Amino acid sequence: MGLVFWSRYGNLFQKLLGQSRVPIVPDGFLSLGVDRVKGNRLRKSYFVWEEKDIIPTLVLEVVSEKYGGEYHEKMRDYARLGVLYYVI
C-alpha cells in the first residue's frame, strides 16, 4: 500500500478564490499519496500547497445538534477545493 494520510479533527489549510491559508477543520479527511509522518512526527495540520497540491480524496463531517455549515458552506468549500467524496 502507498502513502495514506488520514486525519481526524485535523486542520486542513487550502487557498480558495484569492483567500490565502484559510483553515477548514473537518471531522476527518483522507489524502492518498501523502505521508502522515513528517520529520519523524505525526502531523496535526495539512497544508495543501506543501503537498504538491494533493487535495483530500474524501472528507467526513459528523453533524451535531449545533449547526456547523455542513450542508451549505462546508459542502461548497470542499467542492471548490476539488474534494471527490464528501460524507455527512
C-alpha atoms as a PDB file:
ATOM      1  CA  MET A   1       0.000   0.000   0.000  1.00  0.00           C
ATOM      2  CA  GLY A   2       1.224   3.505  -0.833  1.00  0.00           C
ATOM      3  CA  LEU A   3       1.241   6.579   1.327  1.00  0.00           C
ATOM      4  CA  VAL A   4      -2.017   7.430   3.075  1.00  0.00           C
ATOM      5  CA  PHE A   5      -2.779  10.482   5.190  1.00  0.00           C
ATOM      6  CA  TRP A   6      -5.858  10.093   7.411  1.00  0.00           C
ATOM      7  CA  SER A   7      -6.584  12.807   9.910  1.00  0.00           C
ATOM      8  CA  ARG A   8      -9.322  13.085  12.484  1.00  0.00           C
ATOM      9  CA  TYR A   9     -10.128  16.621  13.647  1.00  0.00           C
ATOM     10  CA  GLY A  10      -7.059  17.980  11.892  1.00  0.00           C
ATOM     11  CA  ASN A  11      -6.652  21.368  10.286  1.00  0.00           C
ATOM     12  CA  LEU A  12      -6.882  21.373   6.517  1.00  0.00           C
ATOM     13  CA  PHE A  13      -5.318  24.516   5.089  1.00  0.00           C
ATOM     14  CA  GLN A  14      -6.010  25.491   1.487  1.00  0.00           C
ATOM     15  CA  LYS A  15      -6.284  28.507  -0.781  1.00  0.00           C
ATOM     16  CA  LEU A  16      -9.705  29.399  -2.169  1.00  0.00           C
ATOM     17  CA  LEU A  17     -10.618  32.185  -4.564  1.00  0.00           C
ATOM     18  CA  GLY A  18      -7.984  34.707  -3.624  1.00  0.00           C
ATOM     19  CA  GLN A  19      -8.028  33.853   0.067  1.00  0.00           C
ATOM     20  CA  SER A  20      -4.785  32.590   1.489  1.00  0.00           C
ATOM     21  CA  ARG A  21      -4.253  29.838   4.003  1.00  0.00           C
ATOM     22  CA  VAL A  22      -7.841  29.528   5.133  1.00  0.00           C
ATOM     23  CA  PRO A  23      -8.271  26.638   7.588  1.00  0.00           C
ATOM     24  CA  ILE A  24     -11.148  24.200   7.406  1.00  0.00           C
ATOM     25  CA  VAL A  25     -11.457  21.724  10.256  1.00  0.00           C
ATOM     26  CA  PRO A  26     -13.245  18.613   9.018  1.00  0.00           C
ATOM     27  CA  ASP A  27     -14.064  15.745  11.358  1.00  0.00           C
ATOM     28  CA  GLY A  28     -11.877  13.564   9.160  1.00  0.00           C
ATOM     29  CA  PHE A  29     -10.192  13.550   5.766  1.00  0.00           C
ATOM     30  CA  LEU A  30      -8.189  11.153   3.614  1.00  0.00           C
ATOM     31  CA  SER A  31      -5.395  12.049   1.197  1.00  0.00           C
ATOM     32  CA  LEU A  32      -3.733   9.403  -0.943  1.00  0.00           C
ATOM     33  CA  GLY A  33      -0.056   9.674  -1.812  1.00  0.00           C
ATOM     34  CA  VAL A  34       0.771  11.783   1.264  1.00  0.00           C
ATOM     35  CA  ASP A  35       2.697  10.507   4.291  1.00  0.00           C
ATOM     36  CA  ARG A  36       1.092  11.023   7.713  1.00  0.00           C
ATOM     37  CA  VAL A  37       4.551  11.382   9.277  1.00  0.00           C
ATOM     38  CA  LYS A  38       6.766  14.381   8.564  1.00  0.00           C
ATOM     39  CA  GLY A  39      10.144  14.719  10.223  1.00  0.00           C
ATOM     40  CA  ASN A  40       9.518  11.629  12.414  1.00  0.00           C
ATOM     41  CA  ARG A  41       6.354  13.211  13.870  1.00  0.00           C
ATOM     42  CA  LEU A  42       2.658  12.769  13.191  1.00  0.00           C
ATOM     43  CA  ARG A  43       1.210  15.918  11.707  1.00  0.00           C
ATOM     44  CA  LYS A  44      -1.814  17.746  13.083  1.00  0.00           C
ATOM     45  CA  SER A  45      -2.192  20.059  10.092  1.00  0.00           C
ATOM     46  CA  TYR A  46      -2.293  19.508   6.348  1.00  0.00           C
ATOM     47  CA  PHE A  47      -1.111  22.298   4.048  1.00  0.00           C
ATOM     48  CA  VAL A  48      -2.323  21.598   0.518  1.00  0.00           C
ATOM     49  CA  TRP A  49       0.352  23.801  -1.086  1.00  0.00           C
ATOM     50  CA  GLU A  50       3.106  21.877   0.741  1.00  0.00           C
ATOM     51  CA  GLU A  51       1.767  18.524  -0.507  1.00  0.00           C
ATOM     52  CA  LYS A  52       2.146  19.173  -4.248  1.00  0.00           C
ATOM     53  CA  ASP A  53      -1.447  20.470  -4.222  1.00  0.00           C
ATOM     54  CA  ILE A  54      -2.805  16.997  -3.426  1.00  0.00           C
ATOM     55  CA  ILE A  55      -6.408  17.590  -2.401  1.00  0.00           C
ATOM     56  CA  PRO A  56      -8.017  15.161   0.059  1.00  0.00           C
ATOM     57  CA  THR A  57      -9.976  12.478  -1.762  1.00  0.00           C
ATOM     58  CA  LEU A  58     -12.541  12.082   1.000  1.00  0.00           C
ATOM     59  CA  VAL A  59     -13.824  14.442   3.698  1.00  0.00           C
ATOM     60  CA  LEU A  60     -16.032  13.311   6.583  1.00  0.00           C
ATOM     61  CA  GLU A  61     -18.269  15.633   8.594  1.00  0.00           C
ATOM     62  CA  VAL A  62     -20.358  14.490  11.564  1.00  0.00           C
ATOM     63  CA  VAL A  63     -23.436  16.616  12.180  1.00  0.00           C
ATOM     64  CA  SER A  64     -24.292  17.518  15.738  1.00  0.00           C
ATOM     65  CA  GLU A  65     -27.222  19.404  17.191  1.00  0.00           C
ATOM     66  CA  LYS A  66     -25.349  22.675  16.670  1.00  0.00           C
ATOM     67  CA  TYR A  67     -25.330  23.964  13.073  1.00  0.00           C
ATOM     68  CA  GLY A  68     -21.863  23.919  11.594  1.00  0.00           C
ATOM     69  CA  GLY A  69     -22.441  24.678   7.919  1.00  0.00           C
ATOM     70  CA  GLU A  70     -22.043  21.054   6.834  1.00  0.00           C
ATOM     71  CA  TYR A  71     -24.905  21.177   4.329  1.00  0.00           C
ATOM     72  CA  HIS A  72     -24.071  24.550   2.803  1.00  0.00           C
ATOM     73  CA  GLU A  73     -20.835  26.448   3.426  1.00  0.00           C
ATOM     74  CA  LYS A  74     -18.540  23.494   4.031  1.00  0.00           C
ATOM     75  CA  MET A  75     -20.068  21.489   1.173  1.00  0.00           C
ATOM     76  CA  ARG A  76     -19.475  24.443  -1.161  1.00  0.00           C
ATOM     77  CA  ASP A  77     -15.884  24.962   0.055  1.00  0.00           C
ATOM     78  CA  TYR A  78     -14.961  21.304  -0.364  1.00  0.00           C
ATOM     79  CA  ALA A  79     -16.481  21.260  -3.857  1.00  0.00           C
ATOM     80  CA  ARG A  80     -14.444  24.358  -4.817  1.00  0.00           C
ATOM     81  CA  LEU A  81     -11.339  22.731  -3.400  1.00  0.00           C
ATOM     82  CA  GLY A  82     -11.916  19.645  -5.562  1.00  0.00           C
ATOM     83  CA  VAL A  83     -12.686  17.014  -2.917  1.00  0.00           C
ATOM     84  CA  LEU A  84     -14.130  13.979  -4.714  1.00  0.00           C
ATOM     85  CA  TYR A  85     -16.150  12.474  -1.861  1.00  0.00           C
ATOM     86  CA  TYR A  86     -17.892  14.427   0.878  1.00  0.00           C
ATOM     87  CA  VAL A  87     -19.703  12.366   3.525  1.00  0.00           C
ATOM     88  CA  ILE A  88     -22.028  13.942   6.070  1.00  0.00           C
END
